[in-house]
Amino acid sequence: EMAQNVLRGTGKDGVIQQVLDKKEQILNAPESKRESTFNR
C-alpha cells in the first residue's frame, strides 16, 4: 500500500517518465555493452 501511495502521489506521467529513465539506465549500463556469453 505504501508503494502504491508513492506511485499515486507521483502521478501516472511521472511514473511513466521514471520507467523510461530506468530503461535508458539499463540500456546504457556497462554490463549491457558487453558481449553475451550465452549461445544456442
PDB file of all heavy atoms in Angstrom:
ATOM      1  N   GLU A   1       0.836  -1.207   0.000  1.00  0.00           N
ATOM      2  CA  GLU A   1       0.000   0.000   0.000  1.00  0.00           C
ATOM      3  C   GLU A   1       0.868   1.254   0.000  1.00  0.00           C
ATOM      4  O   GLU A   1       0.560   2.235  -0.677  1.00  0.00           O
ATOM      5  CB  GLU A   1      -0.927   0.013   1.227  1.00  0.00           C
ATOM      6  CG  GLU A   1      -2.218  -0.737   1.028  1.00  0.00           C
ATOM      7  CD  GLU A   1      -3.051  -0.191  -0.114  1.00  0.00           C
ATOM      8  OE1 GLU A   1      -3.243   1.041  -0.235  1.00  0.00           O
ATOM      9  OE2 GLU A   1      -3.523  -1.016  -0.917  1.00  0.00           O
ATOM     10  N   MET A   2       1.962   1.218   0.756  1.00  0.00           N
ATOM     11  CA  MET A   2       2.841   2.382   0.832  1.00  0.00           C
ATOM     12  C   MET A   2       3.457   2.674  -0.548  1.00  0.00           C
ATOM     13  O   MET A   2       3.508   3.823  -0.978  1.00  0.00           O
ATOM     14  CB  MET A   2       3.936   2.162   1.865  1.00  0.00           C
ATOM     15  CG  MET A   2       4.706   3.413   2.204  1.00  0.00           C
ATOM     16  SD  MET A   2       5.925   3.144   3.507  1.00  0.00           S
ATOM     17  CE  MET A   2       4.857   2.871   4.893  1.00  0.00           C
ATOM     18  N   ALA A   3       3.894   1.628  -1.237  1.00  0.00           N
ATOM     19  CA  ALA A   3       4.479   1.817  -2.563  1.00  0.00           C
ATOM     20  C   ALA A   3       3.422   2.337  -3.540  1.00  0.00           C
ATOM     21  O   ALA A   3       3.708   3.224  -4.355  1.00  0.00           O
ATOM     22  CB  ALA A   3       5.070   0.509  -3.067  1.00  0.00           C
ATOM     23  N   GLN A   4       2.217   1.795  -3.469  1.00  0.00           N
ATOM     24  CA  GLN A   4       1.140   2.275  -4.345  1.00  0.00           C
ATOM     25  C   GLN A   4       0.835   3.741  -4.078  1.00  0.00           C
ATOM     26  O   GLN A   4       0.618   4.514  -5.015  1.00  0.00           O
ATOM     27  CB  GLN A   4      -0.116   1.427  -4.148  1.00  0.00           C
ATOM     28  CG  GLN A   4       0.003   0.037  -4.734  1.00  0.00           C
ATOM     29  CD  GLN A   4      -1.298  -0.739  -4.656  1.00  0.00           C
ATOM     30  OE1 GLN A   4      -2.378  -0.170  -4.794  1.00  0.00           O
ATOM     31  NE2 GLN A   4      -1.201  -2.044  -4.428  1.00  0.00           N
ATOM     32  N   ASN A   5       0.836   4.135  -2.817  1.00  0.00           N
ATOM     33  CA  ASN A   5       0.573   5.535  -2.476  1.00  0.00           C
ATOM     34  C   ASN A   5       1.662   6.456  -3.017  1.00  0.00           C
ATOM     35  O   ASN A   5       1.370   7.565  -3.478  1.00  0.00           O
ATOM     36  CB  ASN A   5       0.429   5.697  -0.971  1.00  0.00           C
ATOM     37  CG  ASN A   5      -0.857   5.082  -0.449  1.00  0.00           C
ATOM     38  OD1 ASN A   5      -1.836   4.930  -1.186  1.00  0.00           O
ATOM     39  ND2 ASN A   5      -0.858   4.704   0.816  1.00  0.00           N
ATOM     40  N   VAL A   6       2.911   6.004  -2.961  1.00  0.00           N
ATOM     41  CA  VAL A   6       4.009   6.806  -3.514  1.00  0.00           C
ATOM     42  C   VAL A   6       3.824   6.982  -5.013  1.00  0.00           C
ATOM     43  O   VAL A   6       3.975   8.088  -5.550  1.00  0.00           O
ATOM     44  CB  VAL A   6       5.381   6.156  -3.195  1.00  0.00           C
ATOM     45  CG1 VAL A   6       6.493   6.829  -3.975  1.00  0.00           C
ATOM     46  CG2 VAL A   6       5.671   6.208  -1.707  1.00  0.00           C
ATOM     47  N   LEU A   7       3.469   5.902  -5.703  1.00  0.00           N
ATOM     48  CA  LEU A   7       3.261   5.986  -7.154  1.00  0.00           C
ATOM     49  C   LEU A   7       2.070   6.874  -7.496  1.00  0.00           C
ATOM     50  O   LEU A   7       2.117   7.654  -8.451  1.00  0.00           O
ATOM     51  CB  LEU A   7       3.073   4.589  -7.745  1.00  0.00           C
ATOM     52  CG  LEU A   7       4.317   3.700  -7.734  1.00  0.00           C
ATOM     53  CD1 LEU A   7       3.975   2.292  -8.202  1.00  0.00           C
ATOM     54  CD2 LEU A   7       5.422   4.288  -8.586  1.00  0.00           C
ATOM     55  N   ARG A   8       1.001   6.758  -6.721  1.00  0.00           N
ATOM     56  CA  ARG A   8      -0.172   7.629  -6.958  1.00  0.00           C
ATOM     57  C   ARG A   8       0.207   9.088  -6.759  1.00  0.00           C
ATOM     58  O   ARG A   8      -0.235   9.957  -7.510  1.00  0.00           O
ATOM     59  CB  ARG A   8      -1.307   7.256  -6.020  1.00  0.00           C
ATOM     60  CG  ARG A   8      -2.028   5.999  -6.419  1.00  0.00           C
ATOM     61  CD  ARG A   8      -3.252   5.742  -5.538  1.00  0.00           C
ATOM     62  NE  ARG A   8      -3.642   4.366  -5.640  1.00  0.00           N
ATOM     63  CZ  ARG A   8      -3.519   3.459  -4.670  1.00  0.00           C
ATOM     64  NH1 ARG A   8      -3.041   3.799  -3.490  1.00  0.00           N
ATOM     65  NH2 ARG A   8      -3.879   2.208  -4.875  1.00  0.00           N
ATOM     66  N   GLY A   9       1.024   9.350  -5.747  1.00  0.00           N
ATOM     67  CA  GLY A   9       1.476  10.717  -5.477  1.00  0.00           C
ATOM     68  C   GLY A   9       2.362  11.257  -6.587  1.00  0.00           C
ATOM     69  O   GLY A   9       2.350  12.455  -6.880  1.00  0.00           O
ATOM     70  N   THR A  10       3.127  10.386  -7.193  1.00  0.00           N
ATOM     71  CA  THR A  10       3.997  10.787  -8.302  1.00  0.00           C
ATOM     72  C   THR A  10       3.182  11.109  -9.540  1.00  0.00           C
ATOM     73  O   THR A  10       3.550  11.976 -10.326  1.00  0.00           O
ATOM     74  CB  THR A  10       5.014   9.663  -8.614  1.00  0.00           C
ATOM     75  OG1 THR A  10       5.736   9.363  -7.427  1.00  0.00           O
ATOM     76  CG2 THR A  10       5.971  10.059  -9.705  1.00  0.00           C
ATOM     77  N   GLY A  11       2.094  10.411  -9.710  1.00  0.00           N
ATOM     78  CA  GLY A  11       1.240  10.612 -10.878  1.00  0.00           C
ATOM     79  C   GLY A  11       1.640   9.699 -12.016  1.00  0.00           C
ATOM     80  O   GLY A  11       2.791   9.268 -12.123  1.00  0.00           O
ATOM     81  N   LYS A  12       0.669   9.403 -12.855  1.00  0.00           N
ATOM     82  CA  LYS A  12       0.876   8.458 -13.962  1.00  0.00           C
ATOM     83  C   LYS A  12       2.003   8.922 -14.885  1.00  0.00           C
ATOM     84  O   LYS A  12       2.894   8.148 -15.232  1.00  0.00           O
ATOM     85  CB  LYS A  12      -0.430   8.303 -14.728  1.00  0.00           C
ATOM     86  CG  LYS A  12      -0.366   7.332 -15.878  1.00  0.00           C
ATOM     87  CD  LYS A  12      -1.733   7.228 -16.544  1.00  0.00           C
ATOM     88  CE  LYS A  12      -1.703   6.400 -17.791  1.00  0.00           C
ATOM     89  NZ  LYS A  12      -3.017   6.302 -18.422  1.00  0.00           N
ATOM     90  N   ASP A  13       1.986  10.194 -15.280  1.00  0.00           N
ATOM     91  CA  ASP A  13       3.011  10.710 -16.197  1.00  0.00           C
ATOM     92  C   ASP A  13       4.399  10.687 -15.558  1.00  0.00           C
ATOM     93  O   ASP A  13       5.385  10.399 -16.232  1.00  0.00           O
ATOM     94  CB  ASP A  13       2.662  12.129 -16.655  1.00  0.00           C
ATOM     95  CG  ASP A  13       1.419  12.170 -17.522  1.00  0.00           C
ATOM     96  OD1 ASP A  13       1.128  11.144 -18.184  1.00  0.00           O
ATOM     97  OD2 ASP A  13       0.734  13.207 -17.534  1.00  0.00           O
ATOM     98  N   GLY A  14       4.464  10.965 -14.269  1.00  0.00           N
ATOM     99  CA  GLY A  14       5.743  10.924 -13.561  1.00  0.00           C
ATOM    100  C   GLY A  14       6.323   9.523 -13.503  1.00  0.00           C
ATOM    101  O   GLY A  14       7.528   9.324 -13.689  1.00  0.00           O
ATOM    102  N   VAL A  15       5.456   8.544 -13.273  1.00  0.00           N
ATOM    103  CA  VAL A  15       5.909   7.146 -13.213  1.00  0.00           C
ATOM    104  C   VAL A  15       6.355   6.690 -14.604  1.00  0.00           C
ATOM    105  O   VAL A  15       7.388   6.019 -14.739  1.00  0.00           O
ATOM    106  CB  VAL A  15       4.805   6.222 -12.656  1.00  0.00           C
ATOM    107  CG1 VAL A  15       5.238   4.772 -12.728  1.00  0.00           C
ATOM    108  CG2 VAL A  15       4.460   6.599 -11.226  1.00  0.00           C
ATOM    109  N   ILE A  16       5.612   7.071 -15.629  1.00  0.00           N
ATOM    110  CA  ILE A  16       5.994   6.713 -16.995  1.00  0.00           C
ATOM    111  C   ILE A  16       7.372   7.280 -17.315  1.00  0.00           C
ATOM    112  O   ILE A  16       8.223   6.588 -17.881  1.00  0.00           O
ATOM    113  CB  ILE A  16       4.929   7.187 -18.007  1.00  0.00           C
ATOM    114  CG1 ILE A  16       3.666   6.339 -17.851  1.00  0.00           C
ATOM    115  CG2 ILE A  16       5.452   7.152 -19.435  1.00  0.00           C
ATOM    116  CD1 ILE A  16       2.472   6.832 -18.650  1.00  0.00           C
ATOM    117  N   GLN A  17       7.629   8.517 -16.908  1.00  0.00           N
ATOM    118  CA  GLN A  17       8.943   9.115 -17.147  1.00  0.00           C
ATOM    119  C   GLN A  17      10.030   8.376 -16.366  1.00  0.00           C
ATOM    120  O   GLN A  17      11.129   8.147 -16.883  1.00  0.00           O
ATOM    121  CB  GLN A  17       8.938  10.601 -16.770  1.00  0.00           C
ATOM    122  CG  GLN A  17      10.232  11.301 -17.133  1.00  0.00           C
ATOM    123  CD  GLN A  17      10.550  11.212 -18.619  1.00  0.00           C
ATOM    124  OE1 GLN A  17       9.717  11.510 -19.465  1.00  0.00           O
ATOM    125  NE2 GLN A  17      11.770  10.792 -18.945  1.00  0.00           N
ATOM    126  N   GLN A  18       9.736   7.972 -15.148  1.00  0.00           N
ATOM    127  CA  GLN A  18      10.708   7.210 -14.351  1.00  0.00           C
ATOM    128  C   GLN A  18      11.017   5.867 -15.005  1.00  0.00           C
ATOM    129  O   GLN A  18      12.170   5.418 -15.000  1.00  0.00           O
ATOM    130  CB  GLN A  18      10.190   6.991 -12.935  1.00  0.00           C
ATOM    131  CG  GLN A  18      10.215   8.223 -12.080  1.00  0.00           C
ATOM    132  CD  GLN A  18       9.687   7.954 -10.674  1.00  0.00           C
ATOM    133  OE1 GLN A  18       9.386   6.826 -10.311  1.00  0.00           O
ATOM    134  NE2 GLN A  18       9.588   9.009  -9.889  1.00  0.00           N
ATOM    135  N   VAL A  19      10.001   5.215 -15.567  1.00  0.00           N
ATOM    136  CA  VAL A  19      10.216   3.935 -16.255  1.00  0.00           C
ATOM    137  C   VAL A  19      11.093   4.152 -17.484  1.00  0.00           C
ATOM    138  O   VAL A  19      12.028   3.373 -17.730  1.00  0.00           O
ATOM    139  CB  VAL A  19       8.877   3.273 -16.643  1.00  0.00           C
ATOM    140  CG1 VAL A  19       9.105   2.062 -17.533  1.00  0.00           C
ATOM    141  CG2 VAL A  19       8.096   2.874 -15.410  1.00  0.00           C
ATOM    142  N   LEU A  20      10.838   5.201 -18.245  1.00  0.00           N
ATOM    143  CA  LEU A  20      11.659   5.491 -19.420  1.00  0.00           C
ATOM    144  C   LEU A  20      13.099   5.800 -19.022  1.00  0.00           C
ATOM    145  O   LEU A  20      14.049   5.367 -19.688  1.00  0.00           O
ATOM    146  CB  LEU A  20      11.049   6.647 -20.221  1.00  0.00           C
ATOM    147  CG  LEU A  20       9.681   6.366 -20.849  1.00  0.00           C
ATOM    148  CD1 LEU A  20       9.116   7.626 -21.493  1.00  0.00           C
ATOM    149  CD2 LEU A  20       9.765   5.229 -21.858  1.00  0.00           C
ATOM    150  N   ASP A  21      13.278   6.528 -17.918  1.00  0.00           N
ATOM    151  CA  ASP A  21      14.626   6.809 -17.409  1.00  0.00           C
ATOM    152  C   ASP A  21      15.321   5.524 -16.977  1.00  0.00           C
ATOM    153  O   ASP A  21      16.517   5.333 -17.237  1.00  0.00           O
ATOM    154  CB  ASP A  21      14.571   7.792 -16.235  1.00  0.00           C
ATOM    155  CG  ASP A  21      14.114   9.182 -16.645  1.00  0.00           C
ATOM    156  OD1 ASP A  21      14.128   9.487 -17.870  1.00  0.00           O
ATOM    157  OD2 ASP A  21      13.727   9.968 -15.749  1.00  0.00           O
ATOM    158  N   LYS A  22      14.581   4.639 -16.317  1.00  0.00           N
ATOM    159  CA  LYS A  22      15.148   3.362 -15.871  1.00  0.00           C
ATOM    160  C   LYS A  22      15.559   2.523 -17.076  1.00  0.00           C
ATOM    161  O   LYS A  22      16.611   1.882 -17.074  1.00  0.00           O
ATOM    162  CB  LYS A  22      14.139   2.612 -15.006  1.00  0.00           C
ATOM    163  CG  LYS A  22      14.591   1.263 -14.504  1.00  0.00           C
ATOM    164  CD  LYS A  22      15.820   1.334 -13.637  1.00  0.00           C
ATOM    165  CE  LYS A  22      15.494   1.770 -12.238  1.00  0.00           C
ATOM    166  NZ  LYS A  22      16.674   1.718 -11.360  1.00  0.00           N
ATOM    167  N   LYS A  23      14.734   2.547 -18.126  1.00  0.00           N
ATOM    168  CA  LYS A  23      15.057   1.796 -19.345  1.00  0.00           C
ATOM    169  C   LYS A  23      16.356   2.311 -19.956  1.00  0.00           C
ATOM    170  O   LYS A  23      17.222   1.529 -20.347  1.00  0.00           O
ATOM    171  CB  LYS A  23      13.902   1.918 -20.343  1.00  0.00           C
ATOM    172  CG  LYS A  23      14.106   1.128 -21.605  1.00  0.00           C
ATOM    173  CD  LYS A  23      12.884   1.251 -22.493  1.00  0.00           C
ATOM    174  CE  LYS A  23      13.064   0.465 -23.772  1.00  0.00           C
ATOM    175  NZ  LYS A  23      11.884   0.565 -24.651  1.00  0.00           N
ATOM    176  N   GLU A  24      16.511   3.626 -20.031  1.00  0.00           N
ATOM    177  CA  GLU A  24      17.750   4.217 -20.547  1.00  0.00           C
ATOM    178  C   GLU A  24      18.948   3.833 -19.677  1.00  0.00           C
ATOM    179  O   GLU A  24      20.019   3.527 -20.192  1.00  0.00           O
ATOM    180  CB  GLU A  24      17.625   5.738 -20.623  1.00  0.00           C
ATOM    181  CG  GLU A  24      16.816   6.220 -21.782  1.00  0.00           C
ATOM    182  CD  GLU A  24      17.409   5.815 -23.121  1.00  0.00           C
ATOM    183  OE1 GLU A  24      18.630   5.972 -23.327  1.00  0.00           O
ATOM    184  OE2 GLU A  24      16.648   5.318 -23.965  1.00  0.00           O
ATOM    185  N   GLN A  25      18.740   3.843 -18.373  1.00  0.00           N
ATOM    186  CA  GLN A  25      19.810   3.469 -17.440  1.00  0.00           C
ATOM    187  C   GLN A  25      20.239   2.020 -17.688  1.00  0.00           C
ATOM    188  O   GLN A  25      21.433   1.717 -17.710  1.00  0.00           O
ATOM    189  CB  GLN A  25      19.334   3.643 -15.999  1.00  0.00           C
ATOM    190  CG  GLN A  25      20.337   3.235 -14.964  1.00  0.00           C
ATOM    191  CD  GLN A  25      19.743   3.258 -13.560  1.00  0.00           C
ATOM    192  OE1 GLN A  25      18.574   3.592 -13.356  1.00  0.00           O
ATOM    193  NE2 GLN A  25      20.547   2.884 -12.588  1.00  0.00           N
ATOM    194  N   ILE A  26      19.279   1.137 -17.880  1.00  0.00           N
ATOM    195  CA  ILE A  26      19.583  -0.279 -18.128  1.00  0.00           C
ATOM    196  C   ILE A  26      20.324  -0.443 -19.452  1.00  0.00           C
ATOM    197  O   ILE A  26      21.323  -1.157 -19.535  1.00  0.00           O
ATOM    198  CB  ILE A  26      18.285  -1.114 -18.119  1.00  0.00           C
ATOM    199  CG1 ILE A  26      17.697  -1.166 -16.713  1.00  0.00           C
ATOM    200  CG2 ILE A  26      18.541  -2.521 -18.652  1.00  0.00           C
ATOM    201  CD1 ILE A  26      16.277  -1.699 -16.652  1.00  0.00           C
ATOM    202  N   LEU A  27      19.836   0.223 -20.497  1.00  0.00           N
ATOM    203  CA  LEU A  27      20.443   0.071 -21.822  1.00  0.00           C
ATOM    204  C   LEU A  27      21.831   0.696 -21.905  1.00  0.00           C
ATOM    205  O   LEU A  27      22.658   0.268 -22.715  1.00  0.00           O
ATOM    206  CB  LEU A  27      19.526   0.684 -22.888  1.00  0.00           C
ATOM    207  CG  LEU A  27      18.211  -0.043 -23.110  1.00  0.00           C
ATOM    208  CD1 LEU A  27      17.346   0.728 -24.106  1.00  0.00           C
ATOM    209  CD2 LEU A  27      18.444  -1.456 -23.596  1.00  0.00           C
ATOM    210  N   ASN A  28      22.110   1.703 -21.078  1.00  0.00           N
ATOM    211  CA  ASN A  28      23.407   2.371 -21.121  1.00  0.00           C
ATOM    212  C   ASN A  28      24.378   1.871 -20.055  1.00  0.00           C
ATOM    213  O   ASN A  28      25.488   2.390 -19.952  1.00  0.00           O
ATOM    214  CB  ASN A  28      23.225   3.879 -20.981  1.00  0.00           C
ATOM    215  CG  ASN A  28      22.535   4.462 -22.199  1.00  0.00           C
ATOM    216  OD1 ASN A  28      22.785   4.043 -23.322  1.00  0.00           O
ATOM    217  ND2 ASN A  28      21.653   5.416 -21.986  1.00  0.00           N
ATOM    218  N   ALA A  29      23.969   0.890 -19.285  1.00  0.00           N
ATOM    219  CA  ALA A  29      24.845   0.339 -18.250  1.00  0.00           C
ATOM    220  C   ALA A  29      26.020  -0.389 -18.910  1.00  0.00           C
ATOM    221  O   ALA A  29      25.861  -0.991 -19.971  1.00  0.00           O
ATOM    222  CB  ALA A  29      24.071  -0.614 -17.354  1.00  0.00           C
ATOM    223  N   PRO A  30      27.195  -0.349 -18.282  1.00  0.00           N
ATOM    224  CA  PRO A  30      28.366  -1.006 -18.878  1.00  0.00           C
ATOM    225  C   PRO A  30      28.153  -2.498 -19.152  1.00  0.00           C
ATOM    226  O   PRO A  30      28.610  -3.018 -20.164  1.00  0.00           O
ATOM    227  CB  PRO A  30      29.464  -0.807 -17.832  1.00  0.00           C
ATOM    228  CG  PRO A  30      29.014   0.313 -16.983  1.00  0.00           C
ATOM    229  CD  PRO A  30      27.523   0.332 -17.057  1.00  0.00           C
ATOM    230  N   GLU A  31      27.444  -3.178 -18.255  1.00  0.00           N
ATOM    231  CA  GLU A  31      27.233  -4.617 -18.455  1.00  0.00           C
ATOM    232  C   GLU A  31      26.357  -4.925 -19.662  1.00  0.00           C
ATOM    233  O   GLU A  31      26.416  -6.010 -20.217  1.00  0.00           O
ATOM    234  CB  GLU A  31      26.690  -5.294 -17.195  1.00  0.00           C
ATOM    235  CG  GLU A  31      25.412  -4.717 -16.667  1.00  0.00           C
ATOM    236  CD  GLU A  31      25.602  -3.605 -15.661  1.00  0.00           C
ATOM    237  OE1 GLU A  31      26.698  -3.063 -15.529  1.00  0.00           O
ATOM    238  OE2 GLU A  31      24.617  -3.272 -14.991  1.00  0.00           O
ATOM    239  N   SER A  32      25.532  -3.970 -20.081  1.00  0.00           N
ATOM    240  CA  SER A  32      24.700  -4.215 -21.259  1.00  0.00           C
ATOM    241  C   SER A  32      25.495  -4.062 -22.554  1.00  0.00           C
ATOM    242  O   SER A  32      25.066  -4.518 -23.604  1.00  0.00           O
ATOM    243  CB  SER A  32      23.499  -3.278 -21.278  1.00  0.00           C
ATOM    244  OG  SER A  32      23.900  -1.959 -21.557  1.00  0.00           O
ATOM    245  N   LYS A  33      26.656  -3.451 -22.476  1.00  0.00           N
ATOM    246  CA  LYS A  33      27.502  -3.260 -23.659  1.00  0.00           C
ATOM    247  C   LYS A  33      28.377  -4.481 -23.941  1.00  0.00           C
ATOM    248  O   LYS A  33      28.877  -4.645 -25.037  1.00  0.00           O
ATOM    249  CB  LYS A  33      28.410  -2.039 -23.478  1.00  0.00           C
ATOM    250  CG  LYS A  33      27.674  -0.762 -23.165  1.00  0.00           C
ATOM    251  CD  LYS A  33      26.904  -0.264 -24.345  1.00  0.00           C
ATOM    252  CE  LYS A  33      26.300   1.088 -23.998  1.00  0.00           C
ATOM    253  NZ  LYS A  33      25.038   1.309 -24.595  1.00  0.00           N
ATOM    254  N   ARG A  34      28.572  -5.323 -22.922  1.00  0.00           N
ATOM    255  CA  ARG A  34      29.422  -6.500 -23.104  1.00  0.00           C
ATOM    256  C   ARG A  34      28.739  -7.529 -23.981  1.00  0.00           C
ATOM    257  O   ARG A  34      27.516  -7.634 -24.023  1.00  0.00           O
ATOM    258  CB  ARG A  34      29.739  -7.136 -21.750  1.00  0.00           C
ATOM    259  CG  ARG A  34      30.817  -6.371 -21.006  1.00  0.00           C
ATOM    260  CD  ARG A  34      31.216  -7.112 -19.775  1.00  0.00           C
ATOM    261  NE  ARG A  34      30.304  -6.634 -18.727  1.00  0.00           N
ATOM    262  CZ  ARG A  34      30.063  -7.239 -17.597  1.00  0.00           C
ATOM    263  NH1 ARG A  34      30.632  -8.373 -17.325  1.00  0.00           N
ATOM    264  NH2 ARG A  34      29.255  -6.729 -16.718  1.00  0.00           N
ATOM    265  N   GLU A  35      29.549  -8.323 -24.636  1.00  0.00           N
ATOM    266  CA  GLU A  35      29.031  -9.383 -25.481  1.00  0.00           C
ATOM    267  C   GLU A  35      28.418 -10.477 -24.615  1.00  0.00           C
ATOM    268  O   GLU A  35      28.923 -10.794 -23.547  1.00  0.00           O
ATOM    269  CB  GLU A  35      30.171  -9.958 -26.318  1.00  0.00           C
ATOM    270  CG  GLU A  35      29.709 -10.831 -27.438  1.00  0.00           C
ATOM    271  CD  GLU A  35      30.855 -11.233 -28.348  1.00  0.00           C
ATOM    272  OE1 GLU A  35      31.685 -10.362 -28.659  1.00  0.00           O
ATOM    273  OE2 GLU A  35      30.893 -12.407 -28.710  1.00  0.00           O
ATOM    274  N   SER A  36      27.350 -11.060 -25.088  1.00  0.00           N
ATOM    275  CA  SER A  36      26.684 -12.131 -24.354  1.00  0.00           C
ATOM    276  C   SER A  36      27.560 -13.375 -24.325  1.00  0.00           C
ATOM    277  O   SER A  36      28.243 -13.697 -25.295  1.00  0.00           O
ATOM    278  CB  SER A  36      25.351 -12.461 -25.018  1.00  0.00           C
ATOM    279  OG  SER A  36      24.755 -13.563 -24.400  1.00  0.00           O
ATOM    280  N   THR A  37      27.526 -14.088 -23.207  1.00  0.00           N
ATOM    281  CA  THR A  37      28.307 -15.326 -23.096  1.00  0.00           C
ATOM    282  C   THR A  37      27.412 -16.555 -23.240  1.00  0.00           C
ATOM    283  O   THR A  37      27.861 -17.662 -23.013  1.00  0.00           O
ATOM    284  CB  THR A  37      29.044 -15.392 -21.750  1.00  0.00           C
ATOM    285  OG1 THR A  37      28.081 -15.324 -20.693  1.00  0.00           O
ATOM    286  CG2 THR A  37      30.039 -14.265 -21.613  1.00  0.00           C
ATOM    287  N   PHE A  38      26.162 -16.341 -23.595  1.00  0.00           N
ATOM    288  CA  PHE A  38      25.240 -17.452 -23.774  1.00  0.00           C
ATOM    289  C   PHE A  38      24.917 -17.615 -25.252  1.00  0.00           C
ATOM    290  O   PHE A  38      24.672 -16.644 -25.952  1.00  0.00           O
ATOM    291  CB  PHE A  38      23.943 -17.217 -22.991  1.00  0.00           C
ATOM    292  CG  PHE A  38      24.126 -17.314 -21.514  1.00  0.00           C
ATOM    293  CD1 PHE A  38      24.459 -16.199 -20.761  1.00  0.00           C
ATOM    294  CD2 PHE A  38      23.983 -18.525 -20.868  1.00  0.00           C
ATOM    295  CE1 PHE A  38      24.643 -16.293 -19.398  1.00  0.00           C
ATOM    296  CE2 PHE A  38      24.160 -18.622 -19.501  1.00  0.00           C
ATOM    297  CZ  PHE A  38      24.493 -17.503 -18.771  1.00  0.00           C
ATOM    298  N   ASN A  39      24.951 -18.843 -25.717  1.00  0.00           N
ATOM    299  CA  ASN A  39      24.640 -19.146 -27.115  1.00  0.00           C
ATOM    300  C   ASN A  39      23.735 -20.366 -27.186  1.00  0.00           C
ATOM    301  O   ASN A  39      23.714 -21.174 -26.268  1.00  0.00           O
ATOM    302  CB  ASN A  39      25.920 -19.430 -27.910  1.00  0.00           C
ATOM    303  CG  ASN A  39      26.793 -18.205 -28.034  1.00  0.00           C
ATOM    304  OD1 ASN A  39      26.296 -17.120 -28.272  1.00  0.00           O
ATOM    305  ND2 ASN A  39      28.090 -18.373 -27.866  1.00  0.00           N
ATOM    306  N   ARG A  40      23.056 -20.504 -28.307  1.00  0.00           N
ATOM    307  CA  ARG A  40      22.244 -21.705 -28.523  1.00  0.00           C
ATOM    308  C   ARG A  40      23.154 -22.887 -28.800  1.00  0.00           C
ATOM    309  O   ARG A  40      24.148 -22.763 -29.497  1.00  0.00           O
ATOM    310  CB  ARG A  40      21.295 -21.515 -29.698  1.00  0.00           C
ATOM    311  CG  ARG A  40      20.163 -20.586 -29.401  1.00  0.00           C
ATOM    312  CD  ARG A  40      19.244 -20.529 -30.613  1.00  0.00           C
ATOM    313  NE  ARG A  40      18.218 -19.557 -30.375  1.00  0.00           N
ATOM    314  CZ  ARG A  40      17.004 -19.861 -29.913  1.00  0.00           C
ATOM    315  NH1 ARG A  40      16.675 -21.097 -29.689  1.00  0.00           N
ATOM    316  NH2 ARG A  40      16.117 -18.922 -29.708  1.00  0.00           N
TER     317      ARG A  40
END
